[in-house]
Amino acid sequence: MVTPTVARVAQLRRCIHYCWQVVVAQIHLLKAFRFKNPSQADILVYDMASVDVLHRTVLYDQQYAVLPVRGEVFYFSFNILQNMFHYRTHMGFSHLFLKLYFVYLLACLDYISPSVVITFIDNDRTFQWLSRHYLKADFLAIQNGMRRKSCVDNKAFSPTHPCYKISMPNLVCWGPADIDLYKSYGHLIDNYYPCGSLWADYYKTSLAKPNCEISYDLCYVSDWSYAEVVCGQPPGFKEGIETLLAFFVRYTVERRLRSCISLRTSDDRESTFFQTYVGNQVKLIEREYGAMSTYAAMYKSRVIISMVSSAAVEALGWGKRVLLCNFSGDANWDCRQDGIWNCSEPEYTFFAARLDTLRTLTEEAFQAETLLYRNATIAFNPAAPVQEFVRQWLAERKKI
């Protein structure tokens, strides 16, 4: 039985811990302030998370500035304050602090004075809002992952929220199915460019060696994340991964195959999680971001398996044999269309039969069977990769 003294001590500890977190947060906030103006440039990359991909694929020979939007840096100067005053009409009592942040970003944009604002984080609602309220530049968002109903259904926003509707001028998306998805929910995008995946196209056309030798019969592309596996959110996700892993290892052993698992992160907890389930039956491939290890592993494998990985869908766009197995019980993760590329029944006999079919189909039969789904889901044209399209789009809109 917990005594009143013990309860009070526990409550005091929680209070101290909360106060300490507040103090640490304030210290980080103060450290983020820069009492200067942001750098000016004709091309502006929105969000530091976009920089590495965009620099490697598109901007490697361009001058550009970066706008941090995740609290890494806050610019504070007379020019920024003056510009914020100019944009004060966007303020209001509803969502006050959010709109204040929007006004700050507008002020930064006005000082930077870009002709083009580009991001690889296409589902950033703040970017989308800015694209409709800062009218002195062209905005381009590039899709960075599979978009499902849960990405566009607006359940996370109230109808009065300033970002309730997805609305932006230009979107480089994976394929026609994305256009249909956005339109079915009433979102407004002026110009769609359904030309494929920037990251996958870059690997396949710039890094991959032609006629690469197949090293693995099966490649499991990890869906692991701390929130989804360790914390169990969303419900059923961890159980779905565990079921798929059990089937994957059993099939590997029964068919005596060479199999690998491409890790999603560099977190030791991920490798420990998979090692617990697969032992020494399967090779674990560590994540190497610079070498694009997941794409390399998929390229060297005959069949790719995953639960819901966007990378696996990108490999399907290349023409690779892919099996997506949503065993989570959550229909939000289902494929848009049934076919030999998916398996939603958590039954081993069905799983094994589907894999047997994928592995034994002739190349001509597989390509014919998946052609319509691939063309709708993710475009791939090695003669006109996405990175070249984006470079041309930028060249037509730059001031210099």
Protein backbone atom coordinates (compact mmCIF):
# COMPACT_ATOMS: atom_id res chain seq x y z
CA MET A 1 0.00 0.00 0.00
CA VAL A 2 1.32 3.45 -0.95
CA THR A 3 1.57 5.74 2.08
CA PRO A 4 0.66 9.47 1.84
CA THR A 5 4.33 10.39 2.35
CA VAL A 6 5.48 8.19 -0.54
CA ALA A 7 2.70 9.61 -2.75
CA ARG A 8 3.71 13.18 -1.92
CA VAL A 9 7.37 12.43 -2.67
CA ALA A 10 6.41 10.90 -6.03
CA GLN A 11 4.26 13.92 -6.83
CA LEU A 12 7.10 16.27 -5.88
CA ARG A 13 9.52 14.35 -8.13
CA ARG A 14 7.12 14.62 -11.06
CA CYS A 15 6.74 18.34 -10.44
CA ILE A 16 10.51 18.86 -10.31
CA HIS A 17 10.96 16.79 -13.47
CA TYR A 18 8.32 18.88 -15.29
CA CYS A 19 9.88 22.16 -14.13
CA TRP A 20 13.30 20.97 -15.25
CA GLN A 21 11.93 20.08 -18.69
CA VAL A 22 10.45 23.59 -18.96
CA VAL A 23 13.80 25.15 -18.01
CA VAL A 24 15.68 22.99 -20.55
CA ALA A 25 13.17 23.90 -23.25
CA GLN A 26 13.63 27.60 -22.52
CA ILE A 27 17.42 27.25 -22.63
CA HIS A 28 17.19 25.53 -26.03
CA LEU A 29 14.86 28.28 -27.24
CA LEU A 30 17.27 31.01 -26.17
CA LYS A 31 20.16 29.19 -27.84
CA ALA A 32 18.15 29.06 -31.05
CA PHE A 33 17.87 32.86 -31.33
CA ARG A 34 20.14 34.52 -33.87
CA PHE A 35 20.26 38.31 -33.63
CA LYS A 36 20.79 38.77 -37.34
CA ASN A 37 19.01 38.44 -40.66
CA PRO A 38 18.76 35.16 -42.58
CA SER A 39 20.90 34.69 -45.68
CA GLN A 40 19.45 35.93 -48.95
CA ALA A 41 19.29 33.71 -52.02
CA ASP A 42 17.36 33.17 -55.23
CA ILE A 43 16.62 29.55 -54.29
CA LEU A 44 15.34 28.83 -50.78
CA VAL A 45 15.17 25.33 -49.31
CA TYR A 46 12.33 25.09 -46.83
CA ASP A 47 13.23 22.91 -43.80
CA MET A 48 16.75 21.72 -42.99
CA ALA A 49 15.43 18.14 -43.29
CA SER A 50 15.21 18.75 -47.04
CA VAL A 51 18.79 19.88 -47.53
CA ASP A 52 20.73 16.62 -47.90
CA VAL A 53 18.42 15.04 -50.46
CA LEU A 54 17.95 18.22 -52.48
CA HIS A 55 21.65 19.08 -52.45
CA ARG A 56 22.69 15.62 -53.65
CA THR A 57 20.06 15.31 -56.35
CA VAL A 58 19.24 18.81 -57.59
CA LEU A 59 21.14 21.70 -56.00
CA TYR A 60 24.72 20.40 -56.02
CA ASP A 61 25.89 23.23 -58.31
CA GLN A 62 23.47 25.92 -57.15
CA GLN A 63 23.64 28.74 -54.60
CA TYR A 64 20.79 28.46 -52.12
CA ALA A 65 19.71 29.44 -48.62
CA VAL A 66 17.93 27.28 -46.04
CA LEU A 67 14.98 28.26 -43.84
CA PRO A 68 14.99 26.25 -40.57
CA VAL A 69 11.43 25.57 -39.43
CA ARG A 70 11.80 23.05 -36.56
CA GLY A 71 13.04 25.40 -33.87
CA GLU A 72 16.72 25.04 -34.71
CA VAL A 73 17.08 28.77 -35.40
CA PHE A 74 14.94 31.87 -34.88
CA TYR A 75 16.11 35.05 -36.61
CA PHE A 76 15.57 38.26 -34.66
CA SER A 77 16.40 41.60 -36.23
CA PHE A 78 14.92 45.00 -37.05
CA ASN A 79 14.19 43.84 -40.62
CA ILE A 80 12.33 40.75 -39.44
CA LEU A 81 10.29 42.74 -36.91
CA GLN A 82 9.49 45.33 -39.56
CA ASN A 83 8.33 42.64 -41.97
CA MET A 84 6.25 40.97 -39.26
CA PHE A 85 4.47 44.26 -38.69
CA HIS A 86 3.76 44.42 -42.42
CA TYR A 87 2.13 40.96 -42.31
CA ARG A 88 0.19 41.61 -39.08
CA THR A 89 -3.14 41.33 -40.92
CA HIS A 90 -2.66 37.52 -40.90
CA MET A 91 -2.89 37.54 -37.11
CA GLY A 92 -6.07 36.67 -35.22
CA PHE A 93 -7.25 35.44 -31.86
CA SER A 94 -7.92 31.91 -33.06
CA HIS A 95 -4.73 29.80 -33.28
CA LEU A 96 -2.84 32.90 -32.12
CA PHE A 97 0.63 31.40 -31.61
CA LEU A 98 0.47 29.36 -34.82
CA LYS A 99 -0.43 32.46 -36.82
CA LEU A 100 2.32 34.43 -35.08
CA TYR A 101 4.76 31.78 -36.28
CA PHE A 102 3.30 32.01 -39.79
CA VAL A 103 3.83 35.78 -39.75
CA TYR A 104 7.43 35.25 -38.61
CA LEU A 105 8.04 32.87 -41.54
CA LEU A 106 6.46 35.32 -43.96
CA ALA A 107 8.78 38.00 -42.60
CA CYS A 108 11.79 35.74 -43.19
CA LEU A 109 10.65 34.97 -46.72
CA ASP A 110 10.22 38.66 -47.45
CA TYR A 111 13.76 39.40 -46.31
CA ILE A 112 15.34 36.41 -48.10
CA SER A 113 13.46 37.41 -51.25
CA PRO A 114 13.71 34.09 -53.15
CA SER A 115 12.24 33.50 -56.56
CA VAL A 116 11.80 29.78 -55.77
CA VAL A 117 10.98 27.98 -52.50
CA ILE A 118 11.44 24.21 -52.63
CA THR A 119 10.93 21.41 -50.11
CA PHE A 120 11.21 17.63 -49.96
CA ILE A 121 8.70 17.58 -47.08
CA ASP A 122 5.56 17.73 -49.21
CA ASN A 123 3.15 17.03 -46.35
CA ASP A 124 4.23 20.05 -44.27
CA ARG A 125 1.03 22.04 -43.80
CA THR A 126 2.95 25.20 -42.87
CA PHE A 127 4.79 25.11 -46.20
CA GLN A 128 1.45 24.70 -47.93
CA TRP A 129 -0.04 27.69 -46.07
CA LEU A 130 2.98 29.87 -46.92
CA SER A 131 2.73 28.90 -50.60
CA ARG A 132 -0.72 30.52 -50.70
CA HIS A 133 0.15 33.65 -48.70
CA TYR A 134 3.63 34.58 -49.94
CA LEU A 135 3.01 35.53 -53.57
CA LYS A 136 6.45 36.80 -54.57
CA ALA A 137 7.97 33.35 -55.23
CA ASP A 138 7.14 30.04 -56.90
CA PHE A 139 6.72 27.13 -54.47
CA LEU A 140 7.48 23.49 -55.30
CA ALA A 141 6.87 20.50 -53.02
CA ILE A 142 8.38 17.11 -53.85
CA GLN A 143 6.66 13.97 -52.54
CA ASN A 144 8.92 12.04 -50.17
CA GLY A 145 6.83 8.97 -49.32
CA MET A 146 3.74 6.92 -50.06
CA ARG A 147 0.59 8.96 -49.48
CA ARG A 148 -2.39 7.12 -48.04
CA LYS A 149 -5.88 8.15 -46.94
CA SER A 150 -4.64 8.90 -43.43
CA CYS A 151 -2.26 11.49 -44.91
CA VAL A 152 -5.02 13.54 -46.51
CA ASP A 153 -8.25 12.88 -44.58
CA ASN A 154 -7.83 15.96 -42.31
CA LYS A 155 -8.85 14.10 -39.15
CA ALA A 156 -5.96 15.74 -37.30
CA PHE A 157 -7.35 19.24 -37.97
CA SER A 158 -10.55 21.07 -37.06
CA PRO A 159 -12.43 22.79 -39.92
CA THR A 160 -11.39 26.18 -38.46
CA HIS A 161 -7.69 25.34 -38.50
CA PRO A 162 -5.73 27.49 -40.99
CA CYS A 163 -4.16 24.34 -42.46
CA TYR A 164 -7.35 22.29 -42.67
CA LYS A 165 -7.24 21.97 -46.46
CA ILE A 166 -4.15 20.90 -48.38
CA SER A 167 -3.54 23.68 -50.86
CA MET A 168 -0.39 24.56 -52.81
CA PRO A 169 0.62 25.63 -56.32
CA ASN A 170 2.98 22.84 -57.42
CA LEU A 171 3.54 19.22 -56.39
CA VAL A 172 5.92 16.66 -57.84
CA CYS A 173 4.07 13.47 -56.98
CA TRP A 174 4.72 9.78 -57.58
CA GLY A 175 1.90 8.99 -59.97
CA PRO A 176 -1.69 9.55 -61.13
CA ALA A 177 -3.07 7.70 -58.09
CA ASP A 178 -1.81 10.53 -55.86
CA ILE A 179 -3.67 13.07 -57.96
CA ASP A 180 -6.88 11.05 -57.58
CA LEU A 181 -6.30 10.77 -53.82
CA TYR A 182 -5.91 14.51 -53.25
CA LYS A 183 -8.86 15.37 -55.47
CA SER A 184 -11.13 12.82 -53.79
CA TYR A 185 -10.74 14.72 -50.50
CA GLY A 186 -11.31 18.13 -52.05
CA HIS A 187 -7.75 19.40 -51.72
CA LEU A 188 -6.48 22.11 -54.07
CA ILE A 189 -3.20 21.70 -55.95
CA ASP A 190 -2.84 23.85 -59.04
CA ASN A 191 -0.19 21.85 -60.90
CA TYR A 192 0.60 18.17 -60.46
CA TYR A 193 3.77 16.68 -61.92
CA PRO A 194 3.34 12.87 -61.62
CA CYS A 195 6.87 11.89 -62.58
CA GLY A 196 7.99 9.50 -59.79
CA SER A 197 10.21 9.46 -56.72
CA LEU A 198 13.16 11.86 -56.57
CA TRP A 199 15.23 9.72 -54.17
CA ALA A 200 14.56 6.39 -55.92
CA ASP A 201 15.16 7.86 -59.38
CA TYR A 202 18.44 9.38 -58.22
CA TYR A 203 19.70 6.03 -56.90
CA LYS A 204 18.62 4.04 -59.94
CA THR A 205 20.00 6.45 -62.55
CA SER A 206 23.07 7.85 -60.75
CA LEU A 207 24.37 5.24 -58.27
CA ALA A 208 23.12 1.80 -59.28
CA LYS A 209 25.42 -0.30 -61.42
CA PRO A 210 23.79 -1.72 -64.56
CA ASN A 211 23.24 -5.49 -64.60
CA CYS A 212 24.06 -5.81 -60.91
CA GLU A 213 24.40 -9.40 -59.67
CA ILE A 214 21.57 -10.58 -57.40
CA SER A 215 22.91 -11.17 -53.88
CA TYR A 216 19.69 -12.05 -52.04
CA ASP A 217 16.58 -14.05 -52.85
CA LEU A 218 14.51 -12.04 -50.36
CA CYS A 219 14.99 -8.60 -48.84
CA TYR A 220 12.83 -7.46 -45.94
CA VAL A 221 12.69 -3.65 -45.83
CA SER A 222 12.30 -2.64 -42.20
CA ASP A 223 9.21 -0.74 -41.00
CA TRP A 224 10.69 -0.29 -37.52
CA SER A 225 10.36 2.99 -35.63
CA TYR A 226 10.52 3.82 -31.94
CA ALA A 227 6.93 5.03 -31.80
CA GLU A 228 5.44 2.17 -33.77
CA VAL A 229 7.35 -0.77 -32.30
CA VAL A 230 8.66 0.24 -28.88
CA CYS A 231 5.68 2.39 -27.89
CA GLY A 232 3.09 0.35 -29.76
CA GLN A 233 1.57 3.24 -31.69
CA PRO A 234 -0.49 2.89 -33.79
CA PRO A 235 -2.16 -0.20 -32.28
CA GLY A 236 -1.50 -3.45 -34.13
CA PHE A 237 1.61 -2.22 -35.94
CA LYS A 238 4.14 -4.04 -33.77
CA GLU A 239 2.08 -7.23 -33.88
CA GLY A 240 1.89 -6.97 -37.67
CA ILE A 241 5.68 -6.68 -37.96
CA GLU A 242 6.17 -9.64 -35.62
CA THR A 243 3.80 -11.79 -37.69
CA LEU A 244 5.50 -10.83 -40.94
CA LEU A 245 8.96 -11.51 -39.47
CA ALA A 246 7.89 -14.96 -38.31
CA PHE A 247 6.57 -15.78 -41.80
CA PHE A 248 9.67 -14.30 -43.45
CA VAL A 249 12.11 -16.38 -41.38
CA ARG A 250 10.05 -19.57 -41.75
CA TYR A 251 9.86 -19.15 -45.52
CA THR A 252 13.60 -18.42 -45.71
CA VAL A 253 14.44 -21.60 -43.80
CA GLU A 254 11.95 -23.85 -45.59
CA ARG A 255 13.04 -22.69 -49.05
CA ARG A 256 16.74 -22.45 -48.09
CA LEU A 257 17.03 -18.90 -49.40
CA ARG A 258 19.56 -16.11 -49.04
CA SER A 259 17.70 -13.38 -47.21
CA CYS A 260 18.49 -10.02 -45.68
CA ILE A 261 16.82 -7.30 -43.63
CA SER A 262 17.63 -3.71 -44.51
CA LEU A 263 17.47 -1.64 -41.32
CA ARG A 264 15.59 1.63 -41.39
CA THR A 265 17.57 3.51 -38.72
CA SER A 266 20.92 3.55 -36.95
CA ASP A 267 19.18 2.98 -33.60
CA ASP A 268 20.69 0.00 -31.76
CA ARG A 269 17.21 -0.91 -30.55
CA GLU A 270 16.17 -1.68 -34.11
CA SER A 271 18.99 -4.14 -34.77
CA THR A 272 18.39 -5.73 -31.35
CA PHE A 273 14.68 -6.09 -32.15
CA PHE A 274 15.33 -7.90 -35.42
CA GLN A 275 18.19 -10.00 -34.05
CA THR A 276 15.81 -11.32 -31.41
CA TYR A 277 13.47 -12.64 -34.09
CA VAL A 278 15.80 -13.78 -36.86
CA GLY A 279 18.96 -14.95 -35.06
CA ASN A 280 21.61 -15.94 -37.60
CA GLN A 281 19.12 -17.09 -40.25
CA VAL A 282 19.08 -13.71 -42.00
CA LYS A 283 21.73 -11.05 -42.69
CA LEU A 284 21.09 -7.63 -41.16
CA ILE A 285 22.18 -4.74 -43.37
CA GLU A 286 23.04 -1.65 -41.35
CA ARG A 287 21.71 1.69 -42.44
CA GLU A 288 24.20 3.80 -44.34
CA TYR A 289 22.48 6.98 -45.42
CA GLY A 290 25.25 8.17 -47.71
CA ALA A 291 25.39 4.87 -49.56
CA MET A 292 21.57 4.66 -49.69
CA SER A 293 21.81 1.18 -48.16
CA THR A 294 18.10 0.32 -48.38
CA TYR A 295 17.94 1.09 -52.09
CA ALA A 296 21.18 -0.81 -52.66
CA ALA A 297 19.84 -3.86 -50.81
CA MET A 298 16.59 -3.81 -52.79
CA TYR A 299 18.45 -3.42 -56.07
CA LYS A 300 20.54 -6.53 -55.30
CA SER A 301 17.52 -8.64 -54.28
CA ARG A 302 15.14 -10.73 -56.34
CA VAL A 303 12.02 -10.15 -54.20
CA ILE A 304 11.36 -7.34 -51.69
CA ILE A 305 9.06 -7.78 -48.70
CA SER A 306 7.74 -5.16 -46.32
CA MET A 307 4.66 -4.27 -44.37
CA VAL A 308 4.08 -0.69 -45.53
CA SER A 309 7.50 0.74 -46.50
CA SER A 310 7.51 3.53 -49.07
CA ALA A 311 10.92 2.32 -50.26
CA ALA A 312 9.42 -1.04 -51.25
CA VAL A 313 6.80 0.78 -53.36
CA GLU A 314 9.61 2.74 -54.99
CA ALA A 315 11.31 -0.54 -55.90
CA LEU A 316 8.06 -1.71 -57.49
CA GLY A 317 8.30 1.40 -59.64
CA TRP A 318 11.68 0.14 -60.87
CA GLY A 319 9.96 -3.10 -61.90
CA LYS A 320 11.18 -5.10 -58.89
CA ARG A 321 9.09 -7.95 -57.48
CA VAL A 322 7.52 -6.66 -54.26
CA LEU A 323 5.17 -8.13 -51.67
CA LEU A 324 3.52 -5.69 -49.24
CA CYS A 325 1.99 -7.42 -46.23
CA ASN A 326 -0.19 -5.24 -44.04
CA PHE A 327 -0.78 -7.55 -41.07
CA SER A 328 -1.53 -4.66 -38.67
CA GLY A 329 -5.31 -4.99 -38.99
CA ASP A 330 -5.51 -1.28 -39.86
CA ALA A 331 -7.02 -0.73 -43.31
CA ASN A 332 -5.34 2.68 -43.55
CA TRP A 333 -2.12 0.85 -44.44
CA ASP A 334 -3.67 -1.33 -47.17
CA CYS A 335 -2.59 -1.14 -50.79
CA ARG A 336 -4.82 0.95 -53.02
CA GLN A 337 -5.53 -2.13 -55.12
CA ASP A 338 -5.25 -5.88 -54.61
CA GLY A 339 -2.84 -7.89 -56.72
CA ILE A 340 0.17 -10.18 -56.61
CA TRP A 341 2.09 -7.32 -54.97
CA ASN A 342 0.15 -7.48 -51.69
CA CYS A 343 -0.96 -9.92 -49.01
CA SER A 344 -3.28 -8.79 -46.21
CA GLU A 345 -4.25 -12.22 -44.90
CA PRO A 346 -2.06 -13.09 -41.86
CA GLU A 347 -2.02 -16.77 -42.82
CA TYR A 348 1.32 -18.42 -43.57
CA THR A 349 -0.03 -20.70 -46.31
CA PHE A 350 -1.41 -17.71 -48.23
CA PHE A 351 1.81 -15.74 -47.66
CA ALA A 352 3.99 -18.61 -48.88
CA ALA A 353 1.82 -19.23 -51.92
CA ARG A 354 1.95 -15.56 -52.91
CA LEU A 355 5.74 -15.51 -52.55
CA ASP A 356 6.07 -18.74 -54.55
CA THR A 357 4.07 -17.13 -57.35
CA LEU A 358 6.21 -13.98 -57.31
CA ARG A 359 9.43 -15.97 -57.41
CA THR A 360 8.41 -18.29 -60.25
CA LEU A 361 6.67 -15.88 -62.62
CA THR A 362 8.58 -15.12 -65.78
CA GLU A 363 9.82 -11.55 -66.05
CA GLU A 364 7.43 -10.86 -68.93
CA ALA A 365 4.45 -12.22 -66.97
CA PHE A 366 5.31 -10.22 -63.84
CA GLN A 367 5.74 -6.94 -65.72
CA ALA A 368 2.45 -7.47 -67.55
CA GLU A 369 0.61 -8.38 -64.33
CA THR A 370 1.78 -5.28 -62.47
CA LEU A 371 1.94 -2.74 -65.30
CA LEU A 372 -1.31 -0.84 -64.66
CA TYR A 373 -0.80 -0.67 -60.89
CA ARG A 374 2.82 0.46 -61.25
CA ASN A 375 1.97 3.14 -63.79
CA ALA A 376 -0.79 4.52 -61.57
CA THR A 377 1.18 4.35 -58.31
CA ILE A 378 4.70 5.47 -59.18
CA ALA A 379 6.17 6.57 -62.48
CA PHE A 380 9.72 5.68 -63.48
CA ASN A 381 11.40 6.82 -66.66
CA PRO A 382 15.19 6.35 -66.60
CA ALA A 383 15.51 8.62 -69.63
CA ALA A 384 13.81 11.48 -67.75
CA PRO A 385 14.41 11.05 -63.99
CA VAL A 386 12.75 13.32 -61.46
CA GLN A 387 15.96 15.16 -60.54
CA GLU A 388 16.36 16.37 -64.11
CA PHE A 389 12.75 17.52 -64.25
CA VAL A 390 13.19 19.52 -61.02
CA ARG A 391 16.45 21.10 -62.22
CA GLN A 392 14.73 22.22 -65.41
CA TRP A 393 11.74 23.54 -63.44
CA LEU A 394 14.08 25.61 -61.26
CA ALA A 395 16.10 26.90 -64.21
CA GLU A 396 12.95 28.27 -65.84
CA ARG A 397 12.02 30.25 -62.71
CA LYS A 398 15.28 31.56 -61.28
CA LYS A 399 15.98 35.27 -61.53
CA ILE A 400 19.63 34.68 -62.41
